[in-house]
Amino acid sequence: MRYLLASTFAAVILVAGTAAKAQTPVSGDTPKEQCAIGYVTGVGGSAQSIREYLATPDRDKYRYLRDNPIQCRISDEGTASACTGITDLRNEKVSVYDDVDSETMAVVARVELDRGTYPVIIVVPRKDVKCEE
């Protein structure tokens, strides 16, 4: 089962890597460079948790991170879903999944959960994503 999960995650990264750089228009006519594979150093989690974290005063960010650890439902097949909370990422290789809004994007990252490490779709601040060259 772990081999299947690992090979599925590797296939997602490989497929996403074939479109490593694409041009997508943002507001107006200004194109914004988009990447398929990148590295995240910062926080990531559910969309609601990221919005709350970004709205938290700087003096309370550490407390918010500590009080809201990421938790996901793990299926019998080993897939994570229905995640809540937030986690800290340190130079984590991710597959860019989708733009959420002008400040955040959804990525697939390997996240340490109670029952092991799983690939999870999480939201991260756009400024924390560095594209792979």
C-alpha atoms as a PDB file:
ATOM      1  CA  MET A   1       0.000   0.000   0.000  1.00  0.00           C
ATOM      2  CA  ARG A   2       2.848   2.399   0.822  1.00  0.00           C
ATOM      3  CA  TYR A   3       4.465   1.611  -2.519  1.00  0.00           C
ATOM      4  CA  LEU A   4       1.217   2.496  -4.303  1.00  0.00           C
ATOM      5  CA  LEU A   5       0.909   5.763  -2.378  1.00  0.00           C
ATOM      6  CA  ALA A   6       4.542   6.690  -2.995  1.00  0.00           C
ATOM      7  CA  SER A   7       4.346   5.854  -6.694  1.00  0.00           C
ATOM      8  CA  THR A   8       1.114   7.847  -7.056  1.00  0.00           C
ATOM      9  CA  PHE A   9       2.718  10.902  -5.454  1.00  0.00           C
ATOM     10  CA  ALA A  10       5.804  10.499  -7.655  1.00  0.00           C
ATOM     11  CA  ALA A  11       3.601  10.286 -10.751  1.00  0.00           C
ATOM     12  CA  VAL A  12       1.777  13.483  -9.766  1.00  0.00           C
ATOM     13  CA  ILE A  13       5.087  15.314  -9.409  1.00  0.00           C
ATOM     14  CA  LEU A  14       6.396  13.883 -12.687  1.00  0.00           C
ATOM     15  CA  VAL A  15       3.290  14.882 -14.649  1.00  0.00           C
ATOM     16  CA  ALA A  16       3.266  18.328 -13.069  1.00  0.00           C
ATOM     17  CA  GLY A  17       6.949  18.717 -13.891  1.00  0.00           C
ATOM     18  CA  THR A  18       6.303  18.451 -17.628  1.00  0.00           C
ATOM     19  CA  ALA A  19       4.605  21.843 -17.524  1.00  0.00           C
ATOM     20  CA  ALA A  20       7.240  23.412 -15.300  1.00  0.00           C
ATOM     21  CA  LYS A  21       6.578  26.952 -16.442  1.00  0.00           C
ATOM     22  CA  ALA A  22       3.414  28.362 -17.926  1.00  0.00           C
ATOM     23  CA  GLN A  23       2.148  31.878 -18.456  1.00  0.00           C
ATOM     24  CA  THR A  24      -1.240  32.737 -16.977  1.00  0.00           C
ATOM     25  CA  PRO A  25      -2.816  36.169 -16.977  1.00  0.00           C
ATOM     26  CA  VAL A  26      -3.752  37.675 -13.659  1.00  0.00           C
ATOM     27  CA  SER A  27      -5.670  40.926 -13.296  1.00  0.00           C
ATOM     28  CA  GLY A  28      -5.437  43.082 -16.404  1.00  0.00           C
ATOM     29  CA  ASP A  29      -3.029  42.184 -19.169  1.00  0.00           C
ATOM     30  CA  THR A  30      -0.002  41.547 -16.961  1.00  0.00           C
ATOM     31  CA  PRO A  31       1.121  37.906 -17.293  1.00  0.00           C
ATOM     32  CA  LYS A  32       2.330  36.217 -14.113  1.00  0.00           C
ATOM     33  CA  GLU A  33       4.815  33.390 -14.183  1.00  0.00           C
ATOM     34  CA  GLN A  34       3.421  30.149 -12.797  1.00  0.00           C
ATOM     35  CA  CYS A  35       5.312  26.974 -11.942  1.00  0.00           C
ATOM     36  CA  ALA A  36       4.373  23.332 -11.499  1.00  0.00           C
ATOM     37  CA  ILE A  37       7.061  22.318  -8.999  1.00  0.00           C
ATOM     38  CA  GLY A  38       8.361  24.509  -6.231  1.00  0.00           C
ATOM     39  CA  TYR A  39       9.653  24.695  -2.696  1.00  0.00           C
ATOM     40  CA  VAL A  40       7.737  26.111   0.263  1.00  0.00           C
ATOM     41  CA  THR A  41       9.265  27.562   3.392  1.00  0.00           C
ATOM     42  CA  GLY A  42       6.540  28.915   5.631  1.00  0.00           C
ATOM     43  CA  VAL A  43       3.093  27.790   6.683  1.00  0.00           C
ATOM     44  CA  GLY A  44       0.447  25.720   4.937  1.00  0.00           C
ATOM     45  CA  GLY A  45      -2.913  24.273   5.837  1.00  0.00           C
ATOM     46  CA  SER A  46      -6.624  24.505   5.222  1.00  0.00           C
ATOM     47  CA  ALA A  47      -7.874  27.602   3.413  1.00  0.00           C
ATOM     48  CA  GLN A  48      -9.754  28.803   6.501  1.00  0.00           C
ATOM     49  CA  SER A  49      -6.739  28.312   8.781  1.00  0.00           C
ATOM     50  CA  ILE A  50      -4.427  30.174   6.406  1.00  0.00           C
ATOM     51  CA  ARG A  51      -6.866  33.106   6.212  1.00  0.00           C
ATOM     52  CA  GLU A  52      -7.061  33.225  10.013  1.00  0.00           C
ATOM     53  CA  TYR A  53      -3.278  32.896  10.361  1.00  0.00           C
ATOM     54  CA  LEU A  54      -2.609  35.733   7.905  1.00  0.00           C
ATOM     55  CA  ALA A  55      -5.124  37.937   9.765  1.00  0.00           C
ATOM     56  CA  THR A  56      -3.494  37.194  13.135  1.00  0.00           C
ATOM     57  CA  PRO A  57      -1.213  39.911  14.558  1.00  0.00           C
ATOM     58  CA  ASP A  58       2.494  39.040  14.278  1.00  0.00           C
ATOM     59  CA  ARG A  59       2.855  38.712  18.042  1.00  0.00           C
ATOM     60  CA  ASP A  60       0.238  35.896  18.067  1.00  0.00           C
ATOM     61  CA  LYS A  61       1.277  33.912  14.964  1.00  0.00           C
ATOM     62  CA  TYR A  62       3.392  31.380  16.863  1.00  0.00           C
ATOM     63  CA  ARG A  63       0.539  30.724  19.297  1.00  0.00           C
ATOM     64  CA  TYR A  64      -1.923  30.257  16.412  1.00  0.00           C
ATOM     65  CA  LEU A  65       0.448  27.770  14.764  1.00  0.00           C
ATOM     66  CA  ARG A  66       0.881  25.853  18.026  1.00  0.00           C
ATOM     67  CA  ASP A  67      -2.833  25.826  18.915  1.00  0.00           C
ATOM     68  CA  ASN A  68      -4.071  24.718  15.456  1.00  0.00           C
ATOM     69  CA  PRO A  69      -1.971  21.724  14.282  1.00  0.00           C
ATOM     70  CA  ILE A  70      -2.949  20.223  10.946  1.00  0.00           C
ATOM     71  CA  GLN A  71      -5.279  17.228  11.155  1.00  0.00           C
ATOM     72  CA  CYS A  72      -6.682  15.237   8.252  1.00  0.00           C
ATOM     73  CA  ARG A  73      -9.038  12.320   7.809  1.00  0.00           C
ATOM     74  CA  ILE A  74      -7.109   9.303   6.476  1.00  0.00           C
ATOM     75  CA  SER A  75      -9.040   6.796   4.365  1.00  0.00           C
ATOM     76  CA  ASP A  76      -8.435   3.050   4.321  1.00  0.00           C
ATOM     77  CA  GLU A  77      -6.681   3.563   0.974  1.00  0.00           C
ATOM     78  CA  GLY A  78      -4.192   5.948   2.605  1.00  0.00           C
ATOM     79  CA  THR A  79      -5.428   9.235   1.173  1.00  0.00           C
ATOM     80  CA  ALA A  80      -5.762  12.364   3.285  1.00  0.00           C
ATOM     81  CA  SER A  81      -8.817  14.620   3.069  1.00  0.00           C
ATOM     82  CA  ALA A  82     -10.915  17.084   5.086  1.00  0.00           C
ATOM     83  CA  CYS A  83      -7.844  18.744   6.578  1.00  0.00           C
ATOM     84  CA  THR A  84      -8.075  21.479   9.183  1.00  0.00           C
ATOM     85  CA  GLY A  85      -5.375  23.458  10.931  1.00  0.00           C
ATOM     86  CA  ILE A  86      -1.947  24.610   9.882  1.00  0.00           C
ATOM     87  CA  THR A  87       1.611  23.283   9.699  1.00  0.00           C
ATOM     88  CA  ASP A  88       5.099  24.706   9.294  1.00  0.00           C
ATOM     89  CA  LEU A  89       6.996  23.725   6.139  1.00  0.00           C
ATOM     90  CA  ARG A  90      10.779  23.933   5.758  1.00  0.00           C
ATOM     91  CA  ASN A  91      11.946  23.936   2.138  1.00  0.00           C
ATOM     92  CA  GLU A  92       9.331  21.281   1.280  1.00  0.00           C
ATOM     93  CA  LYS A  93       9.160  20.225  -2.375  1.00  0.00           C
ATOM     94  CA  VAL A  94       5.596  20.699  -3.607  1.00  0.00           C
ATOM     95  CA  SER A  95       3.533  20.275  -6.735  1.00  0.00           C
ATOM     96  CA  VAL A  96       1.562  23.432  -7.478  1.00  0.00           C
ATOM     97  CA  TYR A  97      -2.103  22.471  -7.747  1.00  0.00           C
ATOM     98  CA  ASP A  98      -4.129  25.649  -8.330  1.00  0.00           C
ATOM     99  CA  ASP A  99      -4.397  29.366  -7.614  1.00  0.00           C
ATOM    100  CA  VAL A 100      -6.761  30.078  -4.738  1.00  0.00           C
ATOM    101  CA  ASP A 101      -6.625  33.870  -4.852  1.00  0.00           C
ATOM    102  CA  SER A 102      -4.081  36.649  -5.351  1.00  0.00           C
ATOM    103  CA  GLU A 103      -2.341  35.877  -2.034  1.00  0.00           C
ATOM    104  CA  THR A 104      -2.545  32.084  -1.757  1.00  0.00           C
ATOM    105  CA  MET A 105      -2.241  28.938  -3.848  1.00  0.00           C
ATOM    106  CA  ALA A 106      -3.054  25.269  -3.379  1.00  0.00           C
ATOM    107  CA  VAL A 107      -0.175  22.799  -3.493  1.00  0.00           C
ATOM    108  CA  VAL A 108       0.355  19.081  -2.932  1.00  0.00           C
ATOM    109  CA  ALA A 109       2.893  18.622  -0.148  1.00  0.00           C
ATOM    110  CA  ARG A 110       4.036  15.740   1.999  1.00  0.00           C
ATOM    111  CA  VAL A 111       2.741  16.533   5.479  1.00  0.00           C
ATOM    112  CA  GLU A 112       3.525  14.769   8.748  1.00  0.00           C
ATOM    113  CA  LEU A 113       0.253  13.693  10.382  1.00  0.00           C
ATOM    114  CA  ASP A 114      -0.537  11.575  13.447  1.00  0.00           C
ATOM    115  CA  ARG A 115      -0.547   8.336  11.432  1.00  0.00           C
ATOM    116  CA  GLY A 116       2.455   9.064   9.181  1.00  0.00           C
ATOM    117  CA  THR A 117       3.463  11.288   6.280  1.00  0.00           C
ATOM    118  CA  TYR A 118       0.922  11.766   3.476  1.00  0.00           C
ATOM    119  CA  PRO A 119       0.585  13.835   0.297  1.00  0.00           C
ATOM    120  CA  VAL A 120      -2.041  16.486   1.105  1.00  0.00           C
ATOM    121  CA  ILE A 121      -3.542  19.363  -0.863  1.00  0.00           C
ATOM    122  CA  ILE A 122      -2.969  22.434   1.309  1.00  0.00           C
ATOM    123  CA  VAL A 123      -3.079  26.200   0.845  1.00  0.00           C
ATOM    124  CA  VAL A 124       0.105  28.249   1.228  1.00  0.00           C
ATOM    125  CA  PRO A 125       0.850  31.967   0.947  1.00  0.00           C
ATOM    126  CA  ARG A 126       2.031  32.704  -2.602  1.00  0.00           C
ATOM    127  CA  LYS A 127       5.063  34.622  -1.274  1.00  0.00           C
ATOM    128  CA  ASP A 128       6.361  31.424   0.412  1.00  0.00           C
ATOM    129  CA  VAL A 129       6.553  29.432  -2.861  1.00  0.00           C
ATOM    130  CA  LYS A 130       9.827  29.471  -4.805  1.00  0.00           C
ATOM    131  CA  CYS A 131       9.629  27.894  -8.259  1.00  0.00           C
ATOM    132  CA  GLU A 132      12.054  25.137  -9.215  1.00  0.00           C
ATOM    133  CA  GLU A 133      14.399  26.331 -11.941  1.00  0.00           C
END
